Amino acid sequence: MLGTHGTGGIGKTTLAKALYYSVFYHFEGAYFLFDVREVSKKYQGVARLQQTLLSEILEEKKMKFGSVDEGKSMIKHRLSTKKVLLVLDDVDEFEQLEQLAGGCEWFGCESKIIITTRNKQLLIARNVEKAYEMTELDHFYSNSFLGMPLA
């Protein structure tokens, strides 16, 4: 697991997108879960995030389950043997991390989980192996990173 933290609007998502799009094809399944903070606030938000995550990574039709706990169990069961790239963007609560990517054992060997957050304490509490404080990207990198437009 890799985390990046810093104030809003400094380029954490932009950098995560650039990294994601440069390596996603090396994985059996990959998904960029945008705006975890906002989507989680909506009715059954975390369960919907779990369903989307599974559907997209497994390339299956919309998955349905009755609860967040059932979603956690399904993620662990269905993804534990797959090499996955997962980006959790704008996480703001420890529970969101636990419900979407509870531990490295939820995913197969060589999987990578990237977390963007404004809250450094989330990364510390989750024992994220590598956590980086983000400073603002300069204009060149925020408009084009590695030659790719990121708008």
N, C-alpha and C. Protein backbone atom coordinates (compact mmCIF):
# COMPACT_ATOMS: atom_id res chain seq x y z
N MET A 1 0.84 -1.18 0.00
CA MET A 1 0.00 0.00 0.00
C MET A 1 0.88 1.24 0.00
N LEU A 2 0.43 2.21 -0.78
CA LEU A 2 1.13 3.47 -0.91
C LEU A 2 0.11 4.57 -0.65
N GLY A 3 0.49 5.55 0.12
CA GLY A 3 -0.41 6.66 0.40
C GLY A 3 0.23 7.99 0.10
N THR A 4 -0.59 8.92 -0.35
CA THR A 4 -0.13 10.29 -0.51
C THR A 4 -1.14 11.19 0.19
N HIS A 5 -0.61 12.15 0.93
CA HIS A 5 -1.49 13.04 1.70
C HIS A 5 -1.05 14.48 1.50
N GLY A 6 -1.97 15.37 1.74
CA GLY A 6 -1.71 16.80 1.63
C GLY A 6 -3.02 17.55 1.49
N THR A 7 -2.93 18.86 1.46
CA THR A 7 -4.12 19.69 1.38
C THR A 7 -4.85 19.48 0.06
N GLY A 8 -6.11 19.86 0.03
CA GLY A 8 -6.92 19.71 -1.17
C GLY A 8 -6.43 20.58 -2.31
N GLY A 9 -6.52 20.06 -3.52
CA GLY A 9 -6.23 20.84 -4.71
C GLY A 9 -4.76 20.96 -5.08
N ILE A 10 -3.88 20.15 -4.48
CA ILE A 10 -2.45 20.29 -4.78
C ILE A 10 -1.94 19.26 -5.79
N GLY A 11 -2.81 18.36 -6.24
CA GLY A 11 -2.39 17.44 -7.29
C GLY A 11 -2.29 15.98 -6.91
N LYS A 12 -2.81 15.58 -5.76
CA LYS A 12 -2.74 14.17 -5.35
C LYS A 12 -3.47 13.28 -6.35
N THR A 13 -4.67 13.67 -6.73
CA THR A 13 -5.45 12.87 -7.70
C THR A 13 -4.78 12.88 -9.07
N THR A 14 -4.27 14.02 -9.49
CA THR A 14 -3.58 14.12 -10.78
C THR A 14 -2.39 13.18 -10.83
N LEU A 15 -1.60 13.17 -9.78
CA LEU A 15 -0.44 12.30 -9.73
C LEU A 15 -0.87 10.82 -9.70
N ALA A 16 -1.90 10.51 -8.92
CA ALA A 16 -2.39 9.13 -8.86
C ALA A 16 -2.92 8.67 -10.22
N LYS A 17 -3.62 9.56 -10.94
CA LYS A 17 -4.11 9.21 -12.29
C LYS A 17 -2.95 8.94 -13.23
N ALA A 18 -1.93 9.76 -13.18
CA ALA A 18 -0.76 9.56 -14.06
C ALA A 18 -0.10 8.23 -13.78
N LEU A 19 0.07 7.91 -12.52
CA LEU A 19 0.66 6.63 -12.15
C LEU A 19 -0.23 5.48 -12.60
N TYR A 20 -1.51 5.59 -12.32
CA TYR A 20 -2.47 4.54 -12.69
C TYR A 20 -2.42 4.25 -14.19
N TYR A 21 -2.54 5.29 -15.00
CA TYR A 21 -2.59 5.09 -16.44
C TYR A 21 -1.26 4.65 -17.04
N SER A 22 -0.17 4.83 -16.30
CA SER A 22 1.12 4.38 -16.82
C SER A 22 1.42 2.92 -16.49
N VAL A 23 0.67 2.31 -15.55
CA VAL A 23 1.00 0.93 -15.16
C VAL A 23 -0.19 -0.03 -15.12
N PHE A 24 -1.41 0.42 -15.32
CA PHE A 24 -2.58 -0.43 -15.09
C PHE A 24 -2.57 -1.72 -15.91
N TYR A 25 -1.98 -1.69 -17.09
CA TYR A 25 -1.98 -2.85 -17.97
C TYR A 25 -1.08 -3.98 -17.46
N HIS A 26 -0.31 -3.75 -16.41
CA HIS A 26 0.52 -4.80 -15.81
C HIS A 26 -0.25 -5.65 -14.80
N PHE A 27 -1.53 -5.37 -14.62
CA PHE A 27 -2.32 -6.02 -13.58
C PHE A 27 -3.46 -6.82 -14.19
N GLU A 28 -3.91 -7.84 -13.46
CA GLU A 28 -5.05 -8.64 -13.90
C GLU A 28 -6.35 -7.84 -13.82
N GLY A 29 -6.40 -6.94 -12.89
CA GLY A 29 -7.56 -6.08 -12.74
C GLY A 29 -7.12 -4.75 -12.16
N ALA A 30 -7.76 -3.68 -12.60
CA ALA A 30 -7.39 -2.35 -12.11
C ALA A 30 -8.63 -1.47 -12.08
N TYR A 31 -8.66 -0.58 -11.08
CA TYR A 31 -9.76 0.37 -11.01
C TYR A 31 -9.34 1.59 -10.21
N PHE A 32 -9.79 2.75 -10.65
CA PHE A 32 -9.55 4.02 -9.98
C PHE A 32 -10.88 4.44 -9.36
N LEU A 33 -10.98 4.37 -8.06
CA LEU A 33 -12.21 4.69 -7.34
C LEU A 33 -12.15 6.16 -6.92
N PHE A 34 -12.79 7.04 -7.72
CA PHE A 34 -12.76 8.47 -7.49
C PHE A 34 -13.67 8.89 -6.34
N ASP A 35 -13.29 9.97 -5.66
CA ASP A 35 -14.15 10.68 -4.70
C ASP A 35 -14.78 9.79 -3.64
N VAL A 36 -13.98 8.96 -3.00
CA VAL A 36 -14.49 8.06 -1.95
C VAL A 36 -15.21 8.85 -0.87
N ARG A 37 -14.66 9.99 -0.49
CA ARG A 37 -15.26 10.82 0.57
C ARG A 37 -16.69 11.21 0.23
N GLU A 38 -16.91 11.75 -0.97
CA GLU A 38 -18.23 12.21 -1.38
C GLU A 38 -19.22 11.07 -1.59
N VAL A 39 -18.80 10.04 -2.30
CA VAL A 39 -19.70 8.93 -2.60
C VAL A 39 -20.11 8.20 -1.32
N SER A 40 -19.20 8.10 -0.36
CA SER A 40 -19.49 7.41 0.90
C SER A 40 -20.62 8.06 1.69
N LYS A 41 -20.79 9.37 1.51
CA LYS A 41 -21.81 10.11 2.26
C LYS A 41 -23.23 9.82 1.75
N LYS A 42 -23.34 9.32 0.54
CA LYS A 42 -24.65 9.06 -0.05
C LYS A 42 -25.24 7.78 0.50
N TYR A 43 -26.54 7.59 0.29
CA TYR A 43 -27.24 6.41 0.75
C TYR A 43 -26.54 5.15 0.22
N GLN A 44 -26.17 4.26 1.11
CA GLN A 44 -25.47 3.02 0.79
C GLN A 44 -24.22 3.27 -0.05
N GLY A 45 -23.56 4.39 0.23
CA GLY A 45 -22.41 4.81 -0.56
C GLY A 45 -21.26 3.82 -0.56
N VAL A 46 -20.86 3.33 0.61
CA VAL A 46 -19.73 2.41 0.67
C VAL A 46 -20.09 1.09 -0.01
N ALA A 47 -21.29 0.61 0.19
CA ALA A 47 -21.72 -0.63 -0.48
C ALA A 47 -21.68 -0.44 -2.00
N ARG A 48 -22.10 0.72 -2.48
CA ARG A 48 -22.04 0.98 -3.93
C ARG A 48 -20.60 1.04 -4.42
N LEU A 49 -19.71 1.64 -3.63
CA LEU A 49 -18.29 1.66 -3.99
C LEU A 49 -17.73 0.23 -4.06
N GLN A 50 -18.09 -0.59 -3.09
CA GLN A 50 -17.64 -1.99 -3.10
C GLN A 50 -18.15 -2.72 -4.34
N GLN A 51 -19.43 -2.52 -4.66
CA GLN A 51 -20.02 -3.19 -5.82
C GLN A 51 -19.33 -2.74 -7.11
N THR A 52 -19.09 -1.44 -7.24
CA THR A 52 -18.43 -0.92 -8.42
C THR A 52 -17.01 -1.46 -8.53
N LEU A 53 -16.29 -1.44 -7.43
CA LEU A 53 -14.92 -1.95 -7.40
C LEU A 53 -14.88 -3.39 -7.92
N LEU A 54 -15.72 -4.24 -7.37
CA LEU A 54 -15.74 -5.65 -7.78
C LEU A 54 -16.18 -5.81 -9.24
N SER A 55 -17.22 -5.13 -9.63
CA SER A 55 -17.73 -5.25 -11.00
C SER A 55 -16.67 -4.85 -12.01
N GLU A 56 -15.98 -3.76 -11.75
CA GLU A 56 -14.99 -3.26 -12.70
C GLU A 56 -13.73 -4.12 -12.73
N ILE A 57 -13.23 -4.50 -11.59
CA ILE A 57 -12.01 -5.31 -11.57
C ILE A 57 -12.26 -6.70 -12.14
N LEU A 58 -13.40 -7.29 -11.80
CA LEU A 58 -13.70 -8.64 -12.28
C LEU A 58 -14.33 -8.64 -13.67
N GLU A 59 -14.66 -7.44 -14.17
CA GLU A 59 -15.31 -7.29 -15.47
C GLU A 59 -16.59 -8.13 -15.55
N GLU A 60 -17.40 -8.00 -14.50
CA GLU A 60 -18.68 -8.69 -14.43
C GLU A 60 -19.78 -7.64 -14.33
N LYS A 61 -20.99 -8.06 -14.63
CA LYS A 61 -22.13 -7.15 -14.50
C LYS A 61 -22.22 -6.66 -13.07
N LYS A 62 -23.00 -5.64 -12.90
CA LYS A 62 -23.19 -5.03 -11.58
C LYS A 62 -23.42 -6.09 -10.52
N MET A 63 -22.58 -6.09 -9.52
CA MET A 63 -22.70 -7.05 -8.43
C MET A 63 -23.62 -6.48 -7.36
N LYS A 64 -24.34 -7.34 -6.72
CA LYS A 64 -25.26 -6.92 -5.65
C LYS A 64 -24.98 -7.73 -4.40
N PHE A 65 -25.02 -7.05 -3.26
CA PHE A 65 -24.98 -7.73 -1.98
C PHE A 65 -25.69 -6.86 -0.96
N GLY A 66 -26.05 -7.47 0.16
CA GLY A 66 -26.95 -6.82 1.10
C GLY A 66 -26.35 -5.85 2.09
N SER A 67 -25.03 -5.95 2.33
CA SER A 67 -24.45 -5.11 3.36
C SER A 67 -22.98 -4.83 3.08
N VAL A 68 -22.43 -3.87 3.79
CA VAL A 68 -21.02 -3.55 3.67
C VAL A 68 -20.18 -4.74 4.12
N ASP A 69 -20.61 -5.43 5.17
CA ASP A 69 -19.87 -6.61 5.64
C ASP A 69 -19.83 -7.70 4.58
N GLU A 70 -20.94 -7.89 3.89
CA GLU A 70 -20.97 -8.87 2.80
C GLU A 70 -20.03 -8.42 1.67
N GLY A 71 -19.98 -7.13 1.41
CA GLY A 71 -19.08 -6.59 0.40
C GLY A 71 -17.63 -6.82 0.77
N LYS A 72 -17.28 -6.60 2.04
CA LYS A 72 -15.91 -6.86 2.50
C LYS A 72 -15.54 -8.32 2.27
N SER A 73 -16.43 -9.19 2.65
CA SER A 73 -16.19 -10.63 2.49
C SER A 73 -16.00 -11.00 1.03
N MET A 74 -16.82 -10.42 0.16
CA MET A 74 -16.74 -10.73 -1.27
C MET A 74 -15.44 -10.19 -1.88
N ILE A 75 -15.03 -9.00 -1.48
CA ILE A 75 -13.78 -8.44 -1.98
C ILE A 75 -12.63 -9.36 -1.58
N LYS A 76 -12.58 -9.75 -0.31
CA LYS A 76 -11.52 -10.64 0.16
C LYS A 76 -11.51 -11.96 -0.61
N HIS A 77 -12.68 -12.53 -0.79
CA HIS A 77 -12.79 -13.84 -1.44
C HIS A 77 -12.45 -13.78 -2.92
N ARG A 78 -13.00 -12.79 -3.62
CA ARG A 78 -12.89 -12.76 -5.09
C ARG A 78 -11.57 -12.16 -5.58
N LEU A 79 -10.92 -11.32 -4.78
CA LEU A 79 -9.71 -10.65 -5.26
C LEU A 79 -8.42 -11.16 -4.62
N SER A 80 -8.52 -12.08 -3.69
CA SER A 80 -7.33 -12.53 -2.95
C SER A 80 -6.30 -13.27 -3.81
N THR A 81 -6.69 -13.70 -4.98
CA THR A 81 -5.74 -14.40 -5.86
C THR A 81 -5.39 -13.58 -7.10
N LYS A 82 -5.90 -12.36 -7.19
CA LYS A 82 -5.67 -11.53 -8.38
C LYS A 82 -4.64 -10.44 -8.09
N LYS A 83 -3.79 -10.21 -9.07
CA LYS A 83 -2.84 -9.09 -9.02
C LYS A 83 -3.62 -7.84 -9.44
N VAL A 84 -3.87 -6.96 -8.48
CA VAL A 84 -4.79 -5.84 -8.65
C VAL A 84 -4.07 -4.51 -8.44
N LEU A 85 -4.48 -3.53 -9.23
CA LEU A 85 -4.11 -2.14 -8.99
C LEU A 85 -5.40 -1.41 -8.61
N LEU A 86 -5.41 -0.83 -7.42
CA LEU A 86 -6.59 -0.12 -6.94
C LEU A 86 -6.18 1.23 -6.40
N VAL A 87 -6.84 2.28 -6.89
CA VAL A 87 -6.63 3.62 -6.35
C VAL A 87 -7.88 4.02 -5.59
N LEU A 88 -7.70 4.39 -4.34
CA LEU A 88 -8.78 4.91 -3.50
C LEU A 88 -8.52 6.41 -3.35
N ASP A 89 -9.30 7.20 -4.05
CA ASP A 89 -9.07 8.64 -4.14
C ASP A 89 -9.91 9.41 -3.13
N ASP A 90 -9.27 10.31 -2.40
CA ASP A 90 -9.91 11.22 -1.46
C ASP A 90 -10.63 10.48 -0.33
N VAL A 91 -9.89 9.60 0.32
CA VAL A 91 -10.41 8.88 1.49
C VAL A 91 -10.32 9.82 2.68
N ASP A 92 -11.38 9.87 3.49
CA ASP A 92 -11.31 10.76 4.65
C ASP A 92 -11.66 10.08 5.98
N GLU A 93 -11.99 8.80 5.94
CA GLU A 93 -12.30 8.08 7.19
C GLU A 93 -11.63 6.72 7.18
N PHE A 94 -11.13 6.33 8.35
CA PHE A 94 -10.46 5.05 8.50
C PHE A 94 -11.37 3.89 8.08
N GLU A 95 -12.66 3.99 8.39
CA GLU A 95 -13.62 2.94 8.05
C GLU A 95 -13.70 2.71 6.55
N GLN A 96 -13.57 3.77 5.76
CA GLN A 96 -13.60 3.61 4.30
C GLN A 96 -12.46 2.70 3.84
N LEU A 97 -11.27 2.91 4.40
CA LEU A 97 -10.14 2.05 4.07
C LEU A 97 -10.41 0.61 4.47
N GLU A 98 -10.93 0.42 5.67
CA GLU A 98 -11.21 -0.92 6.17
C GLU A 98 -12.28 -1.63 5.34
N GLN A 99 -13.22 -0.89 4.81
CA GLN A 99 -14.33 -1.49 4.07
C GLN A 99 -14.02 -1.71 2.59
N LEU A 100 -13.02 -1.01 2.07
CA LEU A 100 -12.68 -1.14 0.65
C LEU A 100 -11.38 -1.89 0.40
N ALA A 101 -10.46 -1.81 1.35
CA ALA A 101 -9.16 -2.48 1.20
C ALA A 101 -8.62 -2.78 2.59
N GLY A 102 -9.29 -3.67 3.29
CA GLY A 102 -9.00 -3.94 4.69
C GLY A 102 -7.59 -4.38 5.00
N GLY A 103 -6.95 -5.05 4.07
CA GLY A 103 -5.59 -5.50 4.31
C GLY A 103 -4.97 -6.03 3.04
N CYS A 104 -3.67 -6.14 3.06
CA CYS A 104 -2.94 -6.63 1.87
C CYS A 104 -3.36 -8.05 1.51
N GLU A 105 -3.77 -8.83 2.50
CA GLU A 105 -4.19 -10.21 2.23
C GLU A 105 -5.51 -10.28 1.46
N TRP A 106 -6.19 -9.17 1.30
CA TRP A 106 -7.42 -9.14 0.50
C TRP A 106 -7.13 -9.27 -0.99
N PHE A 107 -5.88 -9.03 -1.37
CA PHE A 107 -5.50 -8.97 -2.77
C PHE A 107 -4.33 -9.91 -3.03
N GLY A 108 -4.19 -10.32 -4.28
CA GLY A 108 -3.12 -11.24 -4.65
C GLY A 108 -1.74 -10.62 -4.56
N CYS A 109 -0.74 -11.49 -4.71
CA CYS A 109 0.66 -11.06 -4.69
C CYS A 109 0.90 -9.99 -5.74
N GLU A 110 1.75 -9.06 -5.39
CA GLU A 110 2.17 -7.96 -6.26
C GLU A 110 1.07 -6.95 -6.55
N SER A 111 -0.03 -7.02 -5.83
CA SER A 111 -1.08 -6.00 -5.97
C SER A 111 -0.57 -4.69 -5.39
N LYS A 112 -1.12 -3.61 -5.89
CA LYS A 112 -0.76 -2.27 -5.41
C LYS A 112 -2.04 -1.51 -5.08
N ILE A 113 -2.08 -0.94 -3.89
CA ILE A 113 -3.20 -0.12 -3.45
C ILE A 113 -2.64 1.28 -3.21
N ILE A 114 -3.21 2.27 -3.90
CA ILE A 114 -2.77 3.65 -3.77
C ILE A 114 -3.91 4.44 -3.13
N ILE A 115 -3.58 5.19 -2.10
CA ILE A 115 -4.59 5.95 -1.35
C ILE A 115 -4.23 7.42 -1.39
N THR A 116 -5.19 8.26 -1.77
CA THR A 116 -4.99 9.70 -1.64
C THR A 116 -5.90 10.21 -0.53
N THR A 117 -5.38 11.09 0.29
CA THR A 117 -6.14 11.61 1.42
C THR A 117 -5.58 12.97 1.85
N ARG A 118 -6.41 13.70 2.53
CA ARG A 118 -5.95 14.95 3.14
C ARG A 118 -5.44 14.69 4.56
N ASN A 119 -5.73 13.50 5.08
CA ASN A 119 -5.49 13.18 6.47
C ASN A 119 -4.34 12.18 6.64
N LYS A 120 -3.19 12.66 7.00
CA LYS A 120 -2.01 11.81 7.21
C LYS A 120 -2.28 10.73 8.26
N GLN A 121 -3.09 11.05 9.26
CA GLN A 121 -3.35 10.11 10.35
C GLN A 121 -4.03 8.82 9.87
N LEU A 122 -4.82 8.91 8.79
CA LEU A 122 -5.43 7.70 8.21
C LEU A 122 -4.37 6.71 7.76
N LEU A 123 -3.34 7.23 7.13
CA LEU A 123 -2.27 6.38 6.62
C LEU A 123 -1.46 5.78 7.76
N ILE A 124 -1.24 6.57 8.79
CA ILE A 124 -0.50 6.08 9.96
C ILE A 124 -1.32 5.00 10.67
N ALA A 125 -2.62 5.25 10.89
CA ALA A 125 -3.48 4.29 11.58
C ALA A 125 -3.61 2.99 10.80
N ARG A 126 -3.56 3.06 9.50
CA ARG A 126 -3.70 1.89 8.64
C ARG A 126 -2.36 1.18 8.41
N ASN A 127 -1.29 1.74 8.97
CA ASN A 127 0.06 1.20 8.79
C ASN A 127 0.45 1.08 7.31
N VAL A 128 0.12 2.10 6.54
CA VAL A 128 0.49 2.12 5.13
C VAL A 128 2.01 2.13 5.04
N GLU A 129 2.54 1.21 4.25
CA GLU A 129 3.99 1.00 4.17
C GLU A 129 4.74 2.25 3.75
N LYS A 130 4.26 2.89 2.71
CA LYS A 130 4.94 4.08 2.19
C LYS A 130 3.93 5.22 2.11
N ALA A 131 4.19 6.28 2.86
CA ALA A 131 3.30 7.44 2.86
C ALA A 131 4.13 8.67 2.50
N TYR A 132 3.61 9.45 1.57
CA TYR A 132 4.32 10.62 1.09
C TYR A 132 3.45 11.86 1.27
N GLU A 133 4.09 12.93 1.73
CA GLU A 133 3.39 14.21 1.80
C GLU A 133 3.53 14.89 0.45
N MET A 134 2.41 15.27 -0.10
CA MET A 134 2.37 15.88 -1.43
C MET A 134 2.55 17.37 -1.30
N THR A 135 3.43 17.90 -2.13
CA THR A 135 3.53 19.35 -2.27
C THR A 135 2.93 19.68 -3.63
N GLU A 136 2.53 20.89 -3.82
CA GLU A 136 1.81 21.27 -5.03
C GLU A 136 2.64 21.01 -6.29
N LEU A 137 1.99 20.37 -7.28
CA LEU A 137 2.64 20.17 -8.58
C LEU A 137 2.79 21.52 -9.26
N ASP A 138 3.91 21.71 -9.96
CA ASP A 138 4.03 22.96 -10.70
C ASP A 138 3.12 22.90 -11.93
N HIS A 139 2.95 24.02 -12.59
CA HIS A 139 2.01 24.14 -13.70
C HIS A 139 2.29 23.12 -14.81
N PHE A 140 3.56 22.88 -15.12
CA PHE A 140 3.92 21.94 -16.18
C PHE A 140 3.38 20.55 -15.86
N TYR A 141 3.61 20.05 -14.64
CA TYR A 141 3.19 18.70 -14.29
C TYR A 141 1.70 18.58 -14.07
N SER A 142 1.05 19.61 -13.60
CA SER A 142 -0.39 19.52 -13.38
C SER A 142 -1.16 19.48 -14.70
N ASN A 143 -0.59 20.05 -15.76
CA ASN A 143 -1.26 20.03 -17.06
C ASN A 143 -0.89 18.80 -17.89
N SER A 144 0.32 18.31 -17.72
CA SER A 144 0.76 17.17 -18.52
C SER A 144 1.86 16.44 -17.77
N PHE A 145 1.59 15.21 -17.40
CA PHE A 145 2.55 14.40 -16.67
C PHE A 145 2.94 13.23 -17.53
N LEU A 146 4.23 13.04 -17.72
CA LEU A 146 4.73 11.96 -18.59
C LEU A 146 4.18 12.07 -20.00
N GLY A 147 3.92 13.29 -20.46
CA GLY A 147 3.43 13.49 -21.81
C GLY A 147 1.97 13.17 -22.01
N MET A 148 1.23 12.93 -20.93
CA MET A 148 -0.19 12.57 -21.05
C MET A 148 -1.05 13.71 -20.54
N PRO A 149 -2.04 14.15 -21.30
CA PRO A 149 -2.98 15.14 -20.78
C PRO A 149 -3.82 14.51 -19.68
N LEU A 150 -4.01 15.23 -18.61
CA LEU A 150 -4.72 14.67 -17.46
C LEU A 150 -6.00 15.41 -17.14
N ALA A 151 -6.53 16.14 -18.05
CA ALA A 151 -7.74 16.92 -17.79
C ALA A 151 -8.93 16.02 -17.60
